[in-house]
PDB file of N, CA and C in Angstrom:
ATOM      1  N   MET A   1      49.613 172.382 -25.534  1.00  0.00           N
ATOM      2  CA  MET A   1      49.529 173.384 -24.738  1.00  0.00           C
ATOM      3  C   MET A   1      48.628 174.479 -25.485  1.00  0.00           C
ATOM      4  N   THR A   2      47.980 175.250 -25.283  1.00  0.00           N
ATOM      5  CA  THR A   2      47.653 176.278 -25.993  1.00  0.00           C
ATOM      6  C   THR A   2      48.324 177.492 -25.966  1.00  0.00           C
ATOM      7  N   VAL A   3      48.461 178.258 -26.878  1.00  0.00           N
ATOM      8  CA  VAL A   3      48.892 179.622 -27.002  1.00  0.00           C
ATOM      9  C   VAL A   3      48.369 180.840 -26.912  1.00  0.00           C
ATOM     10  N   TYR A   4      48.460 181.656 -26.227  1.00  0.00           N
ATOM     11  CA  TYR A   4      47.785 183.108 -25.589  1.00  0.00           C
ATOM     12  C   TYR A   4      47.793 183.811 -27.618  1.00  0.00           C
ATOM     13  N   ARG A   5      46.717 184.189 -28.155  1.00  0.00           N
ATOM     14  CA  ARG A   5      46.911 184.771 -28.929  1.00  0.00           C
ATOM     15  C   ARG A   5      46.512 186.723 -28.719  1.00  0.00           C
ATOM     16  N   SER A   6      47.391 187.257 -29.274  1.00  0.00           N
ATOM     17  CA  SER A   6      46.797 188.517 -29.280  1.00  0.00           C
ATOM     18  C   SER A   6      46.595 189.381 -30.238  1.00  0.00           C
ATOM     19  N   ARG A   7      46.033 190.253 -30.641  1.00  0.00           N
ATOM     20  CA  ARG A   7      46.278 191.692 -31.634  1.00  0.00           C
ATOM     21  C   ARG A   7      47.598 192.886 -31.499  1.00  0.00           C
ATOM     22  N   ASN A   8      47.860 192.790 -30.244  1.00  0.00           N
ATOM     23  CA  ASN A   8      48.639 193.315 -29.828  1.00  0.00           C
ATOM     24  C   ASN A   8      50.182 193.223 -29.940  1.00  0.00           C
ATOM     25  N   ALA A   9      51.480 194.198 -29.552  1.00  0.00           N
ATOM     26  CA  ALA A   9      52.913 193.626 -29.905  1.00  0.00           C
ATOM     27  C   ALA A   9      53.238 192.467 -29.260  1.00  0.00           C
ATOM     28  N   LEU A  10      51.998 192.280 -27.993  1.00  0.00           N
ATOM     29  CA  LEU A  10      52.846 190.696 -27.135  1.00  0.00           C
ATOM     30  C   LEU A  10      52.546 189.527 -28.089  1.00  0.00           C
ATOM     31  N   ARG A  11      53.013 189.177 -29.195  1.00  0.00           N
ATOM     32  CA  ARG A  11      52.847 187.864 -29.762  1.00  0.00           C
ATOM     33  C   ARG A  11      53.625 187.313 -29.155  1.00  0.00           C
ATOM     34  N   GLY A  12      53.673 185.420 -29.278  1.00  0.00           N
ATOM     35  CA  GLY A  12      54.691 184.963 -29.306  1.00  0.00           C
ATOM     36  C   GLY A  12      54.409 184.140 -27.502  1.00  0.00           C
ATOM     37  N   PRO A  13      56.019 183.508 -27.068  1.00  0.00           N
ATOM     38  CA  PRO A  13      55.525 183.542 -25.544  1.00  0.00           C
ATOM     39  C   PRO A  13      55.748 184.290 -24.676  1.00  0.00           C
ATOM     40  N   LEU A  14      55.803 184.360 -23.497  1.00  0.00           N
ATOM     41  CA  LEU A  14      55.694 185.815 -22.851  1.00  0.00           C
ATOM     42  C   LEU A  14      57.019 185.152 -22.219  1.00  0.00           C
ATOM     43  N   THR A  15      57.762 186.023 -21.826  1.00  0.00           N
ATOM     44  CA  THR A  15      58.992 185.919 -20.982  1.00  0.00           C
ATOM     45  C   THR A  15      59.201 187.181 -19.758  1.00  0.00           C
ATOM     46  N   PRO A  16      59.643 186.598 -18.596  1.00  0.00           N
ATOM     47  CA  PRO A  16      60.071 187.833 -17.893  1.00  0.00           C
ATOM     48  C   PRO A  16      60.661 189.031 -18.576  1.00  0.00           C
ATOM     49  N   ALA A  17      61.493 188.973 -19.009  1.00  0.00           N
ATOM     50  CA  ALA A  17      62.181 190.156 -19.854  1.00  0.00           C
ATOM     51  C   ALA A  17      61.200 190.940 -21.078  1.00  0.00           C
ATOM     52  N   ARG A  18      60.367 190.172 -21.515  1.00  0.00           N
ATOM     53  CA  ARG A  18      59.595 190.581 -22.242  1.00  0.00           C
ATOM     54  C   ARG A  18      58.507 191.425 -21.398  1.00  0.00           C
ATOM     55  N   ILE A  19      58.147 191.075 -20.760  1.00  0.00           N
ATOM     56  CA  ILE A  19      56.845 191.773 -19.545  1.00  0.00           C
ATOM     57  C   ILE A  19      57.526 192.646 -19.315  1.00  0.00           C
ATOM     58  N   VAL A  20      58.618 193.386 -19.094  1.00  0.00           N
ATOM     59  CA  VAL A  20      59.105 194.059 -18.083  1.00  0.00           C
ATOM     60  C   VAL A  20      59.376 195.169 -19.297  1.00  0.00           C
ATOM     61  N   ALA A  21      59.754 194.392 -20.371  1.00  0.00           N
ATOM     62  CA  ALA A  21      60.147 195.792 -21.341  1.00  0.00           C
ATOM     63  C   ALA A  21      58.961 196.187 -22.321  1.00  0.00           C
ATOM     64  N   VAL A  22      57.759 195.718 -21.722  1.00  0.00           N
ATOM     65  CA  VAL A  22      56.386 196.103 -22.751  1.00  0.00           C
ATOM     66  C   VAL A  22      55.901 197.613 -22.455  1.00  0.00           C
ATOM     67  N   PRO A  23      55.992 198.438 -23.235  1.00  0.00           N
ATOM     68  CA  PRO A  23      56.038 199.987 -23.618  1.00  0.00           C
ATOM     69  C   PRO A  23      54.540 200.132 -23.293  1.00  0.00           C
ATOM     70  N   LEU A  24      53.950 200.853 -22.256  1.00  0.00           N
ATOM     71  CA  LEU A  24      52.809 200.954 -22.306  1.00  0.00           C
ATOM     72  C   LEU A  24      52.490 202.679 -22.341  1.00  0.00           C
ATOM     73  N   ALA A  25      51.580 203.172 -23.178  1.00  0.00           N
ATOM     74  CA  ALA A  25      51.225 204.569 -23.579  1.00  0.00           C
ATOM     75  C   ALA A  25      50.648 205.249 -22.748  1.00  0.00           C
ATOM     76  N   LEU A  26      50.945 206.770 -22.590  1.00  0.00           N
ATOM     77  CA  LEU A  26      50.343 207.367 -21.425  1.00  0.00           C
ATOM     78  C   LEU A  26      49.428 207.974 -22.309  1.00  0.00           C
ATOM     79  N   THR A  27      48.128 208.177 -21.220  1.00  0.00           N
ATOM     80  CA  THR A  27      46.889 209.305 -21.712  1.00  0.00           C
ATOM     81  C   THR A  27      47.242 210.851 -21.751  1.00  0.00           C
ATOM     82  N   ARG A  28      46.727 211.644 -21.956  1.00  0.00           N
ATOM     83  CA  ARG A  28      46.973 212.786 -23.052  1.00  0.00           C
ATOM     84  C   ARG A  28      46.942 213.782 -21.716  1.00  0.00           C
ATOM     85  N   ARG A  29      47.853 214.254 -21.441  1.00  0.00           N
ATOM     86  CA  ARG A  29      48.285 215.030 -20.294  1.00  0.00           C
ATOM     87  C   ARG A  29      47.903 214.083 -18.623  1.00  0.00           C
ATOM     88  N   GLY A  30      48.180 213.156 -19.157  1.00  0.00           N
ATOM     89  CA  GLY A  30      48.227 211.967 -17.499  1.00  0.00           C
ATOM     90  C   GLY A  30      46.691 212.108 -16.666  1.00  0.00           C
ATOM     91  N   ARG A  31      45.634 213.067 -17.453  1.00  0.00           N
ATOM     92  CA  ARG A  31      44.633 213.036 -16.771  1.00  0.00           C
ATOM     93  C   ARG A  31      43.682 211.699 -16.440  1.00  0.00           C
ATOM     94  N   ARG A  32      43.983 210.685 -17.413  1.00  0.00           N
ATOM     95  CA  ARG A  32      43.030 209.915 -17.583  1.00  0.00           C
ATOM     96  C   ARG A  32      43.725 208.851 -17.663  1.00  0.00           C
ATOM     97  N   GLY A  33      43.198 207.230 -17.226  1.00  0.00           N
ATOM     98  CA  GLY A  33      43.862 205.811 -17.287  1.00  0.00           C
ATOM     99  C   GLY A  33      44.838 205.563 -15.743  1.00  0.00           C
ATOM    100  N   TYR A  34      45.980 204.636 -16.292  1.00  0.00           N
ATOM    101  CA  TYR A  34      46.047 204.117 -15.135  1.00  0.00           C
ATOM    102  C   TYR A  34      47.473 204.724 -14.353  1.00  0.00           C
ATOM    103  N   GLN A  35      47.636 204.536 -13.649  1.00  0.00           N
ATOM    104  CA  GLN A  35      48.950 205.181 -12.818  1.00  0.00           C
ATOM    105  C   GLN A  35      49.763 204.316 -13.197  1.00  0.00           C
ATOM    106  N   VAL A  36      50.533 205.255 -13.588  1.00  0.00           N
ATOM    107  CA  VAL A  36      52.715 204.535 -14.149  1.00  0.00           C
ATOM    108  C   VAL A  36      52.808 203.464 -13.018  1.00  0.00           C
ATOM    109  N   ASP A  37      52.895 203.795 -12.016  1.00  0.00           N
ATOM    110  CA  ASP A  37      53.722 202.852 -10.866  1.00  0.00           C
ATOM    111  C   ASP A  37      52.945 201.625 -10.639  1.00  0.00           C
ATOM    112  N   ASP A  38      51.267 201.799 -10.700  1.00  0.00           N
ATOM    113  CA  ASP A  38      50.874 200.580 -10.824  1.00  0.00           C
ATOM    114  C   ASP A  38      50.760 200.000 -11.340  1.00  0.00           C
ATOM    115  N   VAL A  39      51.189 200.016 -12.937  1.00  0.00           N
ATOM    116  CA  VAL A  39      50.938 199.452 -13.619  1.00  0.00           C
ATOM    117  C   VAL A  39      52.522 198.761 -13.696  1.00  0.00           C
ATOM    118  N   ASP A  40      53.548 199.748 -13.664  1.00  0.00           N
ATOM    119  CA  ASP A  40      54.982 198.858 -13.618  1.00  0.00           C
ATOM    120  C   ASP A  40      55.479 198.086 -12.492  1.00  0.00           C
ATOM    121  N   ALA A  41      54.519 198.293 -11.588  1.00  0.00           N
ATOM    122  CA  ALA A  41      54.060 196.817  -9.880  1.00  0.00           C
ATOM    123  C   ALA A  41      53.478 195.976 -10.609  1.00  0.00           C
ATOM    124  N   LEU A  42      52.587 195.710 -11.434  1.00  0.00           N
ATOM    125  CA  LEU A  42      52.102 194.443 -12.008  1.00  0.00           C
ATOM    126  C   LEU A  42      52.941 193.972 -13.102  1.00  0.00           C
ATOM    127  N   LEU A  43      53.273 194.685 -13.797  1.00  0.00           N
ATOM    128  CA  LEU A  43      54.535 193.996 -14.668  1.00  0.00           C
ATOM    129  C   LEU A  43      55.531 193.590 -14.116  1.00  0.00           C
ATOM    130  N   HIS A  44      56.094 194.255 -12.990  1.00  0.00           N
ATOM    131  CA  HIS A  44      57.101 192.992 -12.460  1.00  0.00           C
ATOM    132  C   HIS A  44      56.786 192.318 -11.632  1.00  0.00           C
ATOM    133  N   ARG A  45      55.328 191.985 -10.800  1.00  0.00           N
ATOM    134  CA  ARG A  45      54.999 191.297 -10.140  1.00  0.00           C
ATOM    135  C   ARG A  45      54.585 189.885 -11.224  1.00  0.00           C
ATOM    136  N   LEU A  46      54.234 190.579 -12.037  1.00  0.00           N
ATOM    137  CA  LEU A  46      54.034 189.437 -13.793  1.00  0.00           C
ATOM    138  C   LEU A  46      55.390 188.795 -13.561  1.00  0.00           C
ATOM    139  N   ALA A  47      56.374 189.246 -14.103  1.00  0.00           N
ATOM    140  CA  ALA A  47      57.636 188.793 -14.594  1.00  0.00           C
ATOM    141  C   ALA A  47      58.078 187.901 -13.209  1.00  0.00           C
ATOM    142  N   TYR A  48      58.013 188.143 -12.171  1.00  0.00           N
ATOM    143  CA  TYR A  48      58.199 187.392 -11.068  1.00  0.00           C
ATOM    144  C   TYR A  48      57.541 185.615 -11.040  1.00  0.00           C
ATOM    145  N   GLU A  49      56.580 186.290 -11.339  1.00  0.00           N
ATOM    146  CA  GLU A  49      55.588 184.851 -11.118  1.00  0.00           C
ATOM    147  C   GLU A  49      55.829 183.813 -12.364  1.00  0.00           C
ATOM    148  N   LEU A  50      56.284 184.397 -13.339  1.00  0.00           N
ATOM    149  CA  LEU A  50      56.723 183.693 -14.618  1.00  0.00           C
ATOM    150  C   LEU A  50      58.031 183.097 -14.305  1.00  0.00           C
ATOM    151  N   ARG A  51      58.728 183.895 -13.964  1.00  0.00           N
ATOM    152  CA  ARG A  51      60.002 183.371 -13.344  1.00  0.00           C
ATOM    153  C   ARG A  51      60.127 182.322 -12.330  1.00  0.00           C
ATOM    154  N   GLU A  52      58.715 182.427 -11.416  1.00  0.00           N
ATOM    155  CA  GLU A  52      59.222 181.123 -10.450  1.00  0.00           C
ATOM    156  C   GLU A  52      58.500 180.275 -10.786  1.00  0.00           C
ATOM    157  N   ARG A  53      57.653 180.424 -12.286  1.00  0.00           N
ATOM    158  CA  ARG A  53      57.039 178.987 -12.623  1.00  0.00           C
ATOM    159  C   ARG A  53      57.692 178.427 -13.123  1.00  0.00           C
ATOM    160  N   SER A  54      58.554 179.405 -14.210  1.00  0.00           N
ATOM    161  CA  SER A  54      59.714 178.473 -15.186  1.00  0.00           C
ATOM    162  C   SER A  54      61.000 177.968 -14.260  1.00  0.00           C
ATOM    163  N   ARG A  55      61.034 178.532 -13.106  1.00  0.00           N
ATOM    164  CA  ARG A  55      62.023 177.979 -11.690  1.00  0.00           C
ATOM    165  C   ARG A  55      61.342 176.284 -11.402  1.00  0.00           C
ATOM    166  N   GLU A  56      59.859 176.642 -10.896  1.00  0.00           N
ATOM    167  CA  GLU A  56      59.555 175.329 -10.365  1.00  0.00           C
ATOM    168  C   GLU A  56      59.332 173.927 -11.719  1.00  0.00           C
ATOM    169  N   ARG A  57      59.204 174.693 -12.756  1.00  0.00           N
ATOM    170  CA  ARG A  57      59.035 173.743 -14.147  1.00  0.00           C
ATOM    171  C   ARG A  57      60.267 172.681 -14.078  1.00  0.00           C
ATOM    172  N   ASP A  58      61.285 173.763 -14.197  1.00  0.00           N
ATOM    173  CA  ASP A  58      62.998 173.254 -14.726  1.00  0.00           C
ATOM    174  C   ASP A  58      63.293 171.960 -13.441  1.00  0.00           C
ATOM    175  N   GLU A  59      63.009 172.712 -12.115  1.00  0.00           N
ATOM    176  CA  GLU A  59      62.905 171.700 -10.976  1.00  0.00           C
ATOM    177  C   GLU A  59      62.233 170.394 -10.804  1.00  0.00           C
ATOM    178  N   ALA A  60      61.397 170.174 -11.638  1.00  0.00           N
ATOM    179  CA  ALA A  60      60.532 169.061 -11.595  1.00  0.00           C
ATOM    180  C   ALA A  60      60.407 168.512 -12.703  1.00  0.00           C
ATOM    181  N   ARG A  61      61.053 169.011 -13.764  1.00  0.00           N
ATOM    182  CA  ARG A  61      61.814 168.817 -14.901  1.00  0.00           C
ATOM    183  C   ARG A  61      63.182 167.315 -14.413  1.00  0.00           C
ATOM    184  N   ALA A  62      64.294 167.969 -13.922  1.00  0.00           N
ATOM    185  CA  ALA A  62      64.979 167.805 -13.065  1.00  0.00           C
ATOM    186  C   ALA A  62      64.783 166.946 -12.301  1.00  0.00           C
ATOM    187  N   GLU A  63      63.765 166.699 -11.566  1.00  0.00           N
ATOM    188  CA  GLU A  63      63.377 165.511 -10.370  1.00  0.00           C
ATOM    189  C   GLU A  63      62.568 164.261 -11.405  1.00  0.00           C
ATOM    190  N   SER A  64      62.122 164.444 -12.435  1.00  0.00           N
ATOM    191  CA  SER A  64      61.539 163.389 -13.343  1.00  0.00           C
ATOM    192  C   SER A  64      62.864 162.922 -14.313  1.00  0.00           C
ATOM    193  N   ARG A  65      63.764 163.665 -14.611  1.00  0.00           N
ATOM    194  CA  ARG A  65      65.049 163.074 -15.144  1.00  0.00           C
ATOM    195  C   ARG A  65      66.294 161.809 -13.904  1.00  0.00           C
ATOM    196  N   ARG A  66      65.917 162.348 -12.679  1.00  0.00           N
ATOM    197  CA  ARG A  66      66.654 161.878 -11.788  1.00  0.00           C
ATOM    198  C   ARG A  66      65.562 160.538 -11.640  1.00  0.00           C
ATOM    199  N   ILE A  67      64.456 160.595 -11.460  1.00  0.00           N
ATOM    200  CA  ILE A  67      64.304 159.382 -11.088  1.00  0.00           C
ATOM    201  C   ILE A  67      64.049 158.706 -11.786  1.00  0.00           C
ATOM    202  N   LYS A  68      64.038 158.828 -13.131  1.00  0.00           N
ATOM    203  CA  LYS A  68      63.760 157.981 -14.363  1.00  0.00           C
ATOM    204  C   LYS A  68      64.830 157.253 -14.680  1.00  0.00           C
ATOM    205  N   HIS A  69      65.904 157.890 -14.422  1.00  0.00           N
ATOM    206  CA  HIS A  69      67.593 157.589 -14.012  1.00  0.00           C
ATOM    207  C   HIS A  69      67.557 156.310 -12.877  1.00  0.00           C
ATOM    208  N   ALA A  70      67.310 156.539 -12.320  1.00  0.00           N
ATOM    209  CA  ALA A  70      67.144 155.500 -10.864  1.00  0.00           C
ATOM    210  C   ALA A  70      66.428 154.615 -11.298  1.00  0.00           C
ATOM    211  N   LEU A  71      65.252 154.713 -11.778  1.00  0.00           N
ATOM    212  CA  LEU A  71      64.889 153.592 -12.011  1.00  0.00           C
ATOM    213  C   LEU A  71      65.199 152.464 -13.012  1.00  0.00           C
ATOM    214  N   ARG A  72      65.953 153.172 -14.407  1.00  0.00           N
ATOM    215  CA  ARG A  72      66.650 152.670 -15.059  1.00  0.00           C
ATOM    216  C   ARG A  72      67.341 151.676 -14.606  1.00  0.00           C
ATOM    217  N   SER A  73      67.810 152.730 -13.704  1.00  0.00           N
ATOM    218  CA  SER A  73      69.403 151.568 -13.009  1.00  0.00           C
ATOM    219  C   SER A  73      68.875 150.430 -12.214  1.00  0.00           C
ATOM    220  N   TRP A  74      68.040 150.792 -11.457  1.00  0.00           N
ATOM    221  CA  TRP A  74      67.252 149.887 -10.333  1.00  0.00           C
ATOM    222  C   TRP A  74      66.863 148.446 -11.484  1.00  0.00           C
ATOM    223  N   GLN A  75      66.255 148.839 -12.281  1.00  0.00           N
ATOM    224  CA  GLN A  75      65.710 147.741 -13.334  1.00  0.00           C
ATOM    225  C   GLN A  75      66.769 146.470 -14.094  1.00  0.00           C
ATOM    226  N   SER A  76      67.802 147.296 -14.572  1.00  0.00           N
ATOM    227  CA  SER A  76      69.078 147.028 -15.086  1.00  0.00           C
ATOM    228  C   SER A  76      69.983 145.969 -13.897  1.00  0.00           C
ATOM    229  N   ALA A  77      70.117 146.520 -12.919  1.00  0.00           N
ATOM    230  CA  ALA A  77      70.279 145.476 -11.734  1.00  0.00           C
ATOM    231  C   ALA A  77      69.406 144.718 -11.160  1.00  0.00           C
ATOM    232  N   GLU A  78      68.512 144.789 -11.232  1.00  0.00           N
ATOM    233  CA  GLU A  78      67.545 143.754 -11.146  1.00  0.00           C
ATOM    234  C   GLU A  78      67.314 143.126 -11.605  1.00  0.00           C
ATOM    235  N   ALA A  79      67.524 143.170 -13.240  1.00  0.00           N
ATOM    236  CA  ALA A  79      67.333 141.906 -14.314  1.00  0.00           C
ATOM    237  C   ALA A  79      68.675 141.391 -14.291  1.00  0.00           C
ATOM    238  N   ALA A  80      69.793 141.854 -13.881  1.00  0.00           N
ATOM    239  CA  ALA A  80      70.913 141.283 -13.861  1.00  0.00           C
ATOM    240  C   ALA A  80      71.158 139.893 -12.922  1.00  0.00           C
ATOM    241  N   ARG A  81      70.600 140.416 -11.764  1.00  0.00           N
ATOM    242  CA  ARG A  81      70.599 139.449 -10.627  1.00  0.00           C
ATOM    243  C   ARG A  81      69.767 138.577 -10.585  1.00  0.00           C
ATOM    244  N   ARG A  82      68.684 138.985 -11.322  1.00  0.00           N
ATOM    245  CA  ARG A  82      67.413 137.502 -11.363  1.00  0.00           C
ATOM    246  C   ARG A  82      68.372 136.647 -12.158  1.00  0.00           C
ATOM    247  N   LEU A  83      68.946 136.947 -13.702  1.00  0.00           N
ATOM    248  CA  LEU A  83      69.693 136.467 -14.456  1.00  0.00           C
ATOM    249  C   LEU A  83      70.928 135.791 -14.037  1.00  0.00           C
ATOM    250  N   GLY A  84      71.578 136.162 -12.964  1.00  0.00           N
ATOM    251  CA  GLY A  84      72.554 135.728 -12.069  1.00  0.00           C
ATOM    252  C   GLY A  84      73.874 135.934 -12.432  1.00  0.00           C
ATOM    253  N   TYR A  85      73.762 136.964 -12.988  1.00  0.00           N
ATOM    254  CA  TYR A  85      74.806 138.103 -13.421  1.00  0.00           C
ATOM    255  C   TYR A  85      75.299 138.984 -12.063  1.00  0.00           C
ATOM    256  N   TRP A  86      74.506 139.226 -11.436  1.00  0.00           N
ATOM    257  CA  TRP A  86      74.945 139.676 -10.086  1.00  0.00           C
ATOM    258  C   TRP A  86      75.396 139.346  -9.081  1.00  0.00           C
ATOM    259  N   PRO A  87      76.246 139.853  -8.451  1.00  0.00           N
ATOM    260  CA  PRO A  87      76.888 138.780  -7.107  1.00  0.00           C
ATOM    261  C   PRO A  87      75.670 138.961  -6.132  1.00  0.00           C
TER     262      PRO A  87
END
């Protein structure tokens, strides 16, 4: 897995809480730069997307563990049946 490297304060893995908490500097007298509301909306969208990806990853890992456990149980039962230990 590749880690994103940055020269700014967002070093290390990004989390929804870190994205929401990113301080963005305002331009002088507010004449130039991004609209604060637009930037906030983007940050909240990024946090939502990261939460969704994390949830989907966790569900996939749980399903993988469930399938591995079921396969091991089936293999044990099948081996026991073939050896005559299973009724």
